[in-house]
């Protein structure tokens, strides 16, 4: 019986609209690739089991847990991280609402919440409080008690409905 090849593999991936070509070890996690190979440290690694949501990124416009994927699985795909959410110096409406309504404290969970909420609002631009709570239920926060996070998402939804082109673009 032969073992599967564990030699490094070349990948091409677009991250926040920038194309990258790298050679990676087959077992390198996507979260580690983003953080260590590309220097995008906004993707946080918490539980390393896909439970907390801190490592959530947009994978071809769908939120995924980057700690549960290998970098080689991203070959040929588009990844969006928190670093690509703002438009230059202009914060995304979700980022502004989190800041203004204290939707964060330590900030560790915030990138995952923002990526998840952006996808949710793209699909449901006028959510109820309960719908927001359900959509974010896969992301854990140990600081805020969630009320400010939910309020920020509802406020961002309101703002985005008033100016629909202001920030729902995908990464």
N, C-alpha and C. Protein backbone atom coordinates (compact mmCIF):
# COMPACT_ATOMS: atom_id res chain seq x y z
N UNK A 1 0.85 -1.17 0.00
CA UNK A 1 0.00 0.00 0.00
C UNK A 1 0.90 1.24 0.00
N UNK A 2 0.61 2.17 -0.89
CA UNK A 2 1.41 3.39 -0.95
C UNK A 2 0.70 4.51 -0.22
N UNK A 3 1.50 5.35 0.41
CA UNK A 3 0.94 6.51 1.10
C UNK A 3 0.65 7.61 0.10
N UNK A 4 -0.39 8.41 0.35
CA UNK A 4 -0.64 9.54 -0.54
C UNK A 4 0.53 10.51 -0.47
N UNK A 5 0.78 11.16 -1.58
CA UNK A 5 1.89 12.11 -1.65
C UNK A 5 1.65 13.28 -0.71
N UNK A 6 2.68 13.59 0.06
CA UNK A 6 2.59 14.71 0.99
C UNK A 6 3.51 15.84 0.53
N UNK A 7 3.86 15.85 -0.73
CA UNK A 7 4.75 16.89 -1.23
C UNK A 7 3.98 18.19 -1.43
N UNK A 8 4.68 19.31 -1.32
CA UNK A 8 4.02 20.62 -1.50
C UNK A 8 3.33 20.72 -2.85
N UNK A 9 2.26 21.48 -2.87
CA UNK A 9 1.44 21.64 -4.08
C UNK A 9 1.30 23.12 -4.43
N UNK A 10 1.32 23.44 -5.71
CA UNK A 10 1.10 24.83 -6.11
C UNK A 10 -0.39 25.15 -6.07
N UNK A 11 -0.72 26.35 -5.63
CA UNK A 11 -2.11 26.81 -5.65
C UNK A 11 -2.16 28.23 -6.19
N UNK A 12 -3.29 28.56 -6.75
CA UNK A 12 -3.62 29.93 -7.17
C UNK A 12 -4.92 30.28 -6.48
N UNK A 13 -4.94 31.41 -5.83
CA UNK A 13 -6.13 31.82 -5.11
C UNK A 13 -6.25 33.34 -5.18
N UNK A 14 -7.47 33.83 -5.28
CA UNK A 14 -7.72 35.26 -5.24
C UNK A 14 -8.21 35.60 -3.84
N UNK A 15 -7.48 36.47 -3.16
CA UNK A 15 -7.85 36.87 -1.80
C UNK A 15 -8.07 38.37 -1.81
N UNK A 16 -9.29 38.77 -1.49
CA UNK A 16 -9.68 40.18 -1.49
C UNK A 16 -9.37 40.84 -2.83
N UNK A 17 -9.57 40.08 -3.90
CA UNK A 17 -9.37 40.60 -5.24
C UNK A 17 -7.94 40.60 -5.74
N UNK A 18 -7.01 40.09 -4.95
CA UNK A 18 -5.60 40.02 -5.34
C UNK A 18 -5.24 38.56 -5.57
N UNK A 19 -4.67 38.27 -6.74
CA UNK A 19 -4.28 36.90 -7.05
C UNK A 19 -2.96 36.55 -6.39
N UNK A 20 -2.90 35.33 -5.87
CA UNK A 20 -1.70 34.83 -5.21
C UNK A 20 -1.39 33.45 -5.75
N UNK A 21 -0.11 33.19 -5.98
CA UNK A 21 0.36 31.86 -6.34
C UNK A 21 1.38 31.46 -5.29
N UNK A 22 1.17 30.30 -4.69
CA UNK A 22 2.07 29.81 -3.66
C UNK A 22 2.19 28.30 -3.79
N UNK A 23 3.22 27.77 -3.21
CA UNK A 23 3.37 26.33 -3.06
C UNK A 23 3.18 26.04 -1.58
N UNK A 24 2.23 25.16 -1.27
CA UNK A 24 1.86 24.91 0.13
C UNK A 24 1.89 23.42 0.44
N UNK A 25 2.09 23.13 1.69
CA UNK A 25 1.99 21.75 2.17
C UNK A 25 0.51 21.34 2.09
N UNK A 26 0.24 20.10 1.70
CA UNK A 26 -1.15 19.65 1.55
C UNK A 26 -2.00 19.78 2.81
N UNK A 27 -1.38 19.72 3.99
CA UNK A 27 -2.16 19.77 5.23
C UNK A 27 -2.19 21.16 5.86
N UNK A 28 -1.70 22.17 5.14
CA UNK A 28 -1.74 23.54 5.66
C UNK A 28 -3.18 24.03 5.68
N UNK A 29 -3.65 24.45 6.84
CA UNK A 29 -5.02 24.96 6.94
C UNK A 29 -5.15 26.30 6.23
N UNK A 30 -6.34 26.54 5.69
CA UNK A 30 -6.59 27.81 5.02
C UNK A 30 -6.38 28.98 5.98
N UNK A 31 -6.81 28.83 7.22
CA UNK A 31 -6.61 29.91 8.21
C UNK A 31 -5.12 30.22 8.39
N UNK A 32 -4.29 29.20 8.46
CA UNK A 32 -2.85 29.41 8.62
C UNK A 32 -2.23 30.00 7.36
N UNK A 33 -2.70 29.57 6.20
CA UNK A 33 -2.23 30.14 4.94
C UNK A 33 -2.52 31.64 4.90
N UNK A 34 -3.74 32.03 5.24
CA UNK A 34 -4.10 33.44 5.22
C UNK A 34 -3.27 34.24 6.21
N UNK A 35 -3.14 33.73 7.41
CA UNK A 35 -2.43 34.44 8.48
C UNK A 35 -0.92 34.47 8.27
N UNK A 36 -0.34 33.30 7.99
CA UNK A 36 1.12 33.20 7.99
C UNK A 36 1.74 33.42 6.61
N UNK A 37 1.13 32.88 5.58
CA UNK A 37 1.70 33.04 4.24
C UNK A 37 1.36 34.39 3.62
N UNK A 38 0.12 34.86 3.86
CA UNK A 38 -0.29 36.13 3.25
C UNK A 38 -0.29 37.30 4.23
N UNK A 39 -0.10 37.04 5.51
CA UNK A 39 -0.04 38.12 6.50
C UNK A 39 -1.37 38.76 6.81
N UNK A 40 -2.47 38.08 6.51
CA UNK A 40 -3.81 38.61 6.76
C UNK A 40 -4.28 38.10 8.12
N UNK A 41 -3.86 38.77 9.16
CA UNK A 41 -4.10 38.30 10.53
C UNK A 41 -5.47 38.64 11.08
N UNK A 42 -6.32 39.24 10.29
CA UNK A 42 -7.69 39.50 10.72
C UNK A 42 -8.53 38.24 10.81
N UNK A 43 -8.12 37.19 10.12
CA UNK A 43 -8.78 35.89 10.25
C UNK A 43 -8.25 35.26 11.52
N UNK A 44 -9.07 35.24 12.55
CA UNK A 44 -8.63 34.75 13.86
C UNK A 44 -8.88 33.26 13.99
N UNK A 45 -8.02 32.61 14.75
CA UNK A 45 -8.16 31.18 15.00
C UNK A 45 -8.48 31.01 16.48
N UNK A 46 -9.66 30.49 16.75
CA UNK A 46 -10.10 30.31 18.13
C UNK A 46 -10.07 28.86 18.53
N UNK A 47 -11.14 28.17 18.25
CA UNK A 47 -11.29 26.79 18.74
C UNK A 47 -10.58 25.76 17.88
N UNK A 48 -10.31 26.07 16.63
CA UNK A 48 -9.71 25.16 15.66
C UNK A 48 -10.54 23.91 15.40
N UNK A 49 -11.85 24.01 15.68
CA UNK A 49 -12.77 22.89 15.44
C UNK A 49 -14.01 23.35 14.65
N UNK A 50 -14.03 24.59 14.18
CA UNK A 50 -15.16 25.08 13.41
C UNK A 50 -16.37 25.47 14.23
N UNK A 51 -16.20 25.59 15.53
CA UNK A 51 -17.33 25.86 16.42
C UNK A 51 -17.51 27.35 16.68
N UNK A 52 -16.43 28.09 16.86
CA UNK A 52 -16.55 29.47 17.35
C UNK A 52 -16.85 30.50 16.27
N UNK A 53 -16.43 30.26 15.04
CA UNK A 53 -16.71 31.18 13.95
C UNK A 53 -15.70 32.31 13.79
N UNK A 54 -14.68 32.38 14.64
CA UNK A 54 -13.70 33.47 14.56
C UNK A 54 -12.91 33.44 13.25
N UNK A 55 -12.78 32.28 12.64
CA UNK A 55 -11.98 32.13 11.43
C UNK A 55 -12.82 32.21 10.15
N UNK A 56 -14.05 32.65 10.26
CA UNK A 56 -14.95 32.68 9.09
C UNK A 56 -14.43 33.62 8.02
N UNK A 57 -14.39 33.12 6.79
CA UNK A 57 -14.04 33.90 5.61
C UNK A 57 -15.09 33.64 4.55
N UNK A 58 -15.10 34.46 3.52
CA UNK A 58 -15.99 34.23 2.38
C UNK A 58 -15.23 33.38 1.36
N UNK A 59 -15.77 32.23 1.04
CA UNK A 59 -15.19 31.30 0.06
C UNK A 59 -16.15 31.28 -1.12
N UNK A 60 -15.74 31.88 -2.23
CA UNK A 60 -16.65 32.05 -3.37
C UNK A 60 -17.98 32.63 -2.90
N UNK A 61 -17.89 33.65 -2.06
CA UNK A 61 -19.02 34.42 -1.54
C UNK A 61 -19.87 33.69 -0.49
N UNK A 62 -19.42 32.55 -0.01
CA UNK A 62 -20.14 31.82 1.02
C UNK A 62 -19.29 31.78 2.29
N UNK A 63 -19.87 32.06 3.45
CA UNK A 63 -19.08 31.99 4.67
C UNK A 63 -18.67 30.55 4.99
N UNK A 64 -17.39 30.37 5.27
CA UNK A 64 -16.86 29.06 5.65
C UNK A 64 -15.89 29.24 6.81
N UNK A 65 -15.67 28.17 7.52
CA UNK A 65 -14.70 28.15 8.62
C UNK A 65 -13.34 27.79 8.02
N UNK A 66 -12.44 28.74 8.02
CA UNK A 66 -11.14 28.50 7.39
C UNK A 66 -10.27 27.54 8.18
N UNK A 67 -10.61 27.26 9.43
CA UNK A 67 -9.84 26.28 10.21
C UNK A 67 -10.23 24.85 9.85
N UNK A 68 -11.28 24.69 9.05
CA UNK A 68 -11.72 23.36 8.66
C UNK A 68 -11.38 23.04 7.21
N UNK A 69 -10.67 23.93 6.55
CA UNK A 69 -10.30 23.73 5.15
C UNK A 69 -8.80 23.76 5.00
N UNK A 70 -8.34 23.02 4.03
CA UNK A 70 -6.93 23.08 3.68
C UNK A 70 -6.74 24.15 2.61
N UNK A 71 -5.57 24.76 2.60
CA UNK A 71 -5.27 25.79 1.60
C UNK A 71 -5.38 25.22 0.19
N UNK A 72 -4.99 23.96 -0.01
CA UNK A 72 -5.07 23.37 -1.35
C UNK A 72 -6.51 23.30 -1.85
N UNK A 73 -7.48 23.27 -0.95
CA UNK A 73 -8.89 23.27 -1.35
C UNK A 73 -9.31 24.62 -1.92
N UNK A 74 -8.55 25.65 -1.62
CA UNK A 74 -8.87 26.99 -2.11
C UNK A 74 -8.32 27.24 -3.51
N UNK A 75 -7.55 26.31 -4.04
CA UNK A 75 -6.97 26.47 -5.36
C UNK A 75 -8.04 26.80 -6.39
N UNK A 76 -7.87 27.92 -7.07
CA UNK A 76 -8.81 28.33 -8.11
C UNK A 76 -10.05 29.05 -7.59
N UNK A 77 -10.10 29.35 -6.31
CA UNK A 77 -11.28 29.97 -5.71
C UNK A 77 -10.99 31.40 -5.25
N UNK A 78 -12.08 32.09 -4.88
CA UNK A 78 -12.01 33.46 -4.35
C UNK A 78 -12.25 33.42 -2.85
N UNK A 79 -11.39 34.11 -2.12
CA UNK A 79 -11.51 34.21 -0.67
C UNK A 79 -11.66 35.68 -0.32
N UNK A 80 -12.56 35.96 0.60
CA UNK A 80 -12.71 37.32 1.13
C UNK A 80 -12.47 37.29 2.63
N UNK A 81 -11.60 38.16 3.10
CA UNK A 81 -11.32 38.26 4.52
C UNK A 81 -11.76 39.63 5.03
N UNK A 82 -11.66 39.82 6.32
CA UNK A 82 -12.05 41.09 6.92
C UNK A 82 -11.22 42.24 6.36
N UNK A 83 -9.97 41.97 5.98
CA UNK A 83 -9.12 43.03 5.43
C UNK A 83 -9.67 43.59 4.13
N UNK A 84 -10.49 42.82 3.43
CA UNK A 84 -11.06 43.29 2.17
C UNK A 84 -12.45 43.87 2.29
N UNK A 85 -12.95 44.01 3.50
CA UNK A 85 -14.33 44.45 3.68
C UNK A 85 -14.50 45.96 3.51
N UNK A 86 -13.57 46.73 3.99
CA UNK A 86 -13.64 48.19 3.85
C UNK A 86 -13.29 48.57 2.41
N UNK A 87 -13.71 49.73 2.01
CA UNK A 87 -13.38 50.28 0.70
C UNK A 87 -12.31 51.34 0.93
N UNK A 88 -11.07 50.92 0.93
CA UNK A 88 -9.98 51.85 1.26
C UNK A 88 -10.11 52.28 2.71
N UNK A 89 -10.24 53.58 2.93
CA UNK A 89 -10.39 54.13 4.27
C UNK A 89 -11.85 54.17 4.72
N UNK A 90 -12.77 53.84 3.82
CA UNK A 90 -14.20 53.90 4.13
C UNK A 90 -14.66 52.55 4.65
N UNK A 91 -15.10 52.54 5.90
CA UNK A 91 -15.58 51.29 6.49
C UNK A 91 -16.88 50.84 5.84
N UNK A 92 -17.06 49.54 5.79
CA UNK A 92 -18.31 48.94 5.34
C UNK A 92 -19.40 49.36 6.33
N UNK A 93 -20.64 49.52 5.91
CA UNK A 93 -21.72 49.88 6.84
C UNK A 93 -21.83 48.96 8.06
N UNK A 94 -21.53 47.69 7.90
CA UNK A 94 -21.54 46.78 9.06
C UNK A 94 -20.43 47.15 10.03
N UNK A 95 -19.25 47.45 9.52
CA UNK A 95 -18.14 47.84 10.38
C UNK A 95 -18.47 49.12 11.13
N UNK A 96 -19.06 50.08 10.43
CA UNK A 96 -19.45 51.35 11.07
C UNK A 96 -20.47 51.11 12.17
N UNK A 97 -21.47 50.29 11.89
CA UNK A 97 -22.51 50.03 12.89
C UNK A 97 -21.93 49.30 14.10
N UNK A 98 -21.03 48.34 13.88
CA UNK A 98 -20.39 47.66 15.01
C UNK A 98 -19.62 48.66 15.87
N UNK A 99 -18.92 49.55 15.22
CA UNK A 99 -18.13 50.55 15.95
C UNK A 99 -19.05 51.51 16.72
N UNK A 100 -20.04 52.05 16.04
CA UNK A 100 -20.92 53.06 16.64
C UNK A 100 -21.81 52.49 17.75
N UNK A 101 -22.24 51.24 17.62
CA UNK A 101 -23.17 50.64 18.58
C UNK A 101 -22.48 49.68 19.55
N UNK A 102 -21.16 49.75 19.63
CA UNK A 102 -20.38 48.90 20.54
C UNK A 102 -20.66 47.42 20.33
N UNK A 103 -20.67 47.01 19.07
CA UNK A 103 -20.90 45.61 18.74
C UNK A 103 -19.65 44.76 18.91
N UNK A 104 -18.65 45.31 19.54
CA UNK A 104 -17.44 44.56 19.80
C UNK A 104 -16.83 45.04 21.10
N UNK A 105 -16.08 44.18 21.72
CA UNK A 105 -15.30 44.57 22.89
C UNK A 105 -13.86 44.19 22.65
N UNK A 106 -13.50 42.94 22.86
CA UNK A 106 -12.10 42.56 22.63
C UNK A 106 -11.80 42.50 21.13
N UNK A 107 -12.80 42.23 20.31
CA UNK A 107 -12.64 42.21 18.87
C UNK A 107 -12.22 40.88 18.28
N UNK A 108 -11.95 39.89 19.10
CA UNK A 108 -11.47 38.62 18.58
C UNK A 108 -12.50 37.95 17.66
N UNK A 109 -13.75 37.98 18.03
CA UNK A 109 -14.79 37.32 17.25
C UNK A 109 -15.33 38.18 16.11
N UNK A 110 -15.02 39.48 16.15
CA UNK A 110 -15.64 40.44 15.24
C UNK A 110 -15.47 40.12 13.76
N UNK A 111 -14.29 39.76 13.27
CA UNK A 111 -14.18 39.46 11.83
C UNK A 111 -15.14 38.37 11.38
N UNK A 112 -15.27 37.32 12.16
CA UNK A 112 -16.18 36.24 11.80
C UNK A 112 -17.64 36.69 11.80
N UNK A 113 -18.00 37.50 12.77
CA UNK A 113 -19.37 38.04 12.81
C UNK A 113 -19.63 38.91 11.58
N UNK A 114 -18.68 39.76 11.23
CA UNK A 114 -18.87 40.67 10.10
C UNK A 114 -19.00 39.93 8.77
N UNK A 115 -18.16 38.93 8.55
CA UNK A 115 -18.24 38.15 7.31
C UNK A 115 -19.57 37.40 7.25
N UNK A 116 -19.97 36.82 8.36
CA UNK A 116 -21.24 36.09 8.43
C UNK A 116 -22.42 37.03 8.22
N UNK A 117 -22.40 38.18 8.87
CA UNK A 117 -23.50 39.14 8.77
C UNK A 117 -23.61 39.72 7.37
N UNK A 118 -22.47 39.97 6.72
CA UNK A 118 -22.52 40.52 5.36
C UNK A 118 -23.22 39.54 4.43
N UNK A 119 -22.88 38.27 4.52
CA UNK A 119 -23.54 37.27 3.69
C UNK A 119 -25.03 37.20 4.02
N UNK A 120 -25.36 37.20 5.30
CA UNK A 120 -26.76 37.13 5.72
C UNK A 120 -27.56 38.31 5.17
N UNK A 121 -27.03 39.53 5.29
CA UNK A 121 -27.76 40.71 4.81
C UNK A 121 -27.88 40.74 3.29
N UNK A 122 -26.94 40.13 2.60
CA UNK A 122 -27.05 40.05 1.14
C UNK A 122 -28.24 39.18 0.74
N UNK A 123 -28.55 38.18 1.59
CA UNK A 123 -29.68 37.28 1.32
C UNK A 123 -30.97 37.77 1.95
N UNK A 124 -30.87 38.52 3.04
CA UNK A 124 -32.04 38.98 3.78
C UNK A 124 -31.83 40.44 4.19
N UNK A 125 -32.15 41.39 3.33
CA UNK A 125 -31.86 42.79 3.61
C UNK A 125 -32.76 43.45 4.66
N UNK A 126 -33.84 42.80 5.04
CA UNK A 126 -34.74 43.40 6.03
C UNK A 126 -35.10 42.36 7.10
N UNK A 127 -34.09 41.95 7.88
CA UNK A 127 -34.33 40.86 8.84
C UNK A 127 -34.98 41.33 10.13
N UNK A 128 -35.61 40.40 10.79
CA UNK A 128 -36.12 40.64 12.14
C UNK A 128 -34.97 40.39 13.12
N UNK A 129 -35.17 40.80 14.35
CA UNK A 129 -34.16 40.55 15.38
C UNK A 129 -33.93 39.05 15.53
N UNK A 130 -34.99 38.27 15.53
CA UNK A 130 -34.86 36.81 15.67
C UNK A 130 -34.08 36.21 14.51
N UNK A 131 -34.33 36.70 13.30
CA UNK A 131 -33.60 36.19 12.14
C UNK A 131 -32.11 36.50 12.24
N UNK A 132 -31.77 37.68 12.74
CA UNK A 132 -30.37 38.04 12.94
C UNK A 132 -29.75 37.10 13.97
N UNK A 133 -30.44 36.90 15.07
CA UNK A 133 -29.91 36.01 16.11
C UNK A 133 -29.68 34.60 15.57
N UNK A 134 -30.60 34.10 14.77
CA UNK A 134 -30.44 32.76 14.19
C UNK A 134 -29.28 32.72 13.21
N UNK A 135 -29.16 33.76 12.38
CA UNK A 135 -28.10 33.80 11.37
C UNK A 135 -26.72 33.84 12.02
N UNK A 136 -26.62 34.48 13.17
CA UNK A 136 -25.33 34.63 13.84
C UNK A 136 -25.09 33.57 14.91
N UNK A 137 -26.01 32.64 15.06
CA UNK A 137 -25.92 31.67 16.15
C UNK A 137 -24.69 30.77 16.07
N UNK A 138 -24.07 30.67 14.93
CA UNK A 138 -22.87 29.85 14.79
C UNK A 138 -21.59 30.56 15.14
N UNK A 139 -21.70 31.84 15.54
CA UNK A 139 -20.53 32.61 15.93
C UNK A 139 -20.61 32.88 17.43
N UNK A 140 -19.51 32.63 18.11
CA UNK A 140 -19.49 32.81 19.56
C UNK A 140 -18.74 34.07 19.96
N UNK A 141 -19.27 34.73 21.00
CA UNK A 141 -18.64 35.91 21.58
C UNK A 141 -18.65 35.73 23.09
N UNK A 142 -17.53 36.01 23.72
CA UNK A 142 -17.45 35.85 25.17
C UNK A 142 -17.56 37.19 25.89
N UNK A 143 -17.66 38.30 25.16
CA UNK A 143 -17.60 39.62 25.80
C UNK A 143 -18.92 40.38 25.80
N UNK A 144 -19.61 40.40 24.67
CA UNK A 144 -20.67 41.40 24.49
C UNK A 144 -22.05 41.01 24.97
N UNK A 145 -22.34 39.75 25.10
CA UNK A 145 -23.70 39.35 25.41
C UNK A 145 -24.61 39.41 24.20
N UNK A 146 -24.06 39.67 23.01
CA UNK A 146 -24.73 39.62 21.72
C UNK A 146 -25.70 40.76 21.44
N UNK A 147 -26.27 41.43 22.43
CA UNK A 147 -27.28 42.45 22.17
C UNK A 147 -26.75 43.55 21.26
N UNK A 148 -25.55 44.03 21.53
CA UNK A 148 -24.97 45.10 20.71
C UNK A 148 -24.65 44.60 19.31
N UNK A 149 -24.25 43.35 19.18
CA UNK A 149 -23.96 42.78 17.87
C UNK A 149 -25.24 42.73 17.04
N UNK A 150 -26.31 42.25 17.64
CA UNK A 150 -27.59 42.16 16.93
C UNK A 150 -28.08 43.56 16.55
N UNK A 151 -27.97 44.50 17.47
CA UNK A 151 -28.39 45.89 17.18
C UNK A 151 -27.57 46.46 16.04
N UNK A 152 -26.28 46.17 15.99
CA UNK A 152 -25.43 46.69 14.92
C UNK A 152 -25.81 46.10 13.57
N UNK A 153 -26.13 44.82 13.53
CA UNK A 153 -26.54 44.20 12.27
C UNK A 153 -27.87 44.77 11.80
N UNK A 154 -28.80 44.97 12.72
CA UNK A 154 -30.08 45.57 12.34
C UNK A 154 -29.91 47.00 11.84
N UNK A 155 -29.03 47.76 12.48
CA UNK A 155 -28.76 49.13 12.03
C UNK A 155 -28.09 49.14 10.66
N UNK A 156 -27.14 48.25 10.46
CA UNK A 156 -26.48 48.16 9.15
C UNK A 156 -27.49 47.78 8.07
N UNK A 157 -28.40 46.87 8.39
CA UNK A 157 -29.43 46.48 7.42
C UNK A 157 -30.28 47.70 7.05
N UNK A 158 -30.64 48.49 8.04
CA UNK A 158 -31.43 49.70 7.77
C UNK A 158 -30.67 50.64 6.85
N UNK A 159 -29.40 50.86 7.15
CA UNK A 159 -28.58 51.77 6.34
C UNK A 159 -28.39 51.24 4.92
N UNK A 160 -28.19 49.95 4.81
CA UNK A 160 -27.98 49.36 3.48
C UNK A 160 -29.25 49.40 2.64
N UNK A 161 -30.40 49.31 3.28
CA UNK A 161 -31.67 49.44 2.53
C UNK A 161 -31.81 50.86 1.99
N UNK A 162 -31.31 51.84 2.74
CA UNK A 162 -31.39 53.24 2.28
C UNK A 162 -30.39 53.53 1.17
N UNK A 163 -29.25 52.84 1.20
CA UNK A 163 -28.20 53.03 0.19
C UNK A 163 -27.71 51.65 -0.23
N UNK A 164 -28.49 50.94 -1.04
CA UNK A 164 -28.21 49.53 -1.33
C UNK A 164 -26.85 49.26 -1.98
N UNK A 165 -26.24 50.20 -2.61
CA UNK A 165 -24.96 49.94 -3.25
C UNK A 165 -23.79 50.18 -2.31
N UNK A 166 -24.08 50.55 -1.06
CA UNK A 166 -23.04 50.91 -0.11
C UNK A 166 -22.53 49.71 0.66
N UNK A 167 -21.88 48.80 -0.02
CA UNK A 167 -21.13 47.82 0.74
C UNK A 167 -21.54 46.37 0.72
N UNK A 168 -22.54 45.98 -0.06
CA UNK A 168 -22.87 44.55 -0.05
C UNK A 168 -22.09 43.78 -1.10
N UNK A 169 -21.18 44.44 -1.77
CA UNK A 169 -20.36 43.72 -2.74
C UNK A 169 -19.61 42.60 -2.07
N UNK A 170 -19.44 41.54 -2.78
CA UNK A 170 -18.75 40.37 -2.24
C UNK A 170 -17.26 40.49 -2.49
N UNK A 171 -16.51 39.74 -1.72
CA UNK A 171 -15.06 39.75 -1.88
C UNK A 171 -14.65 38.76 -2.95
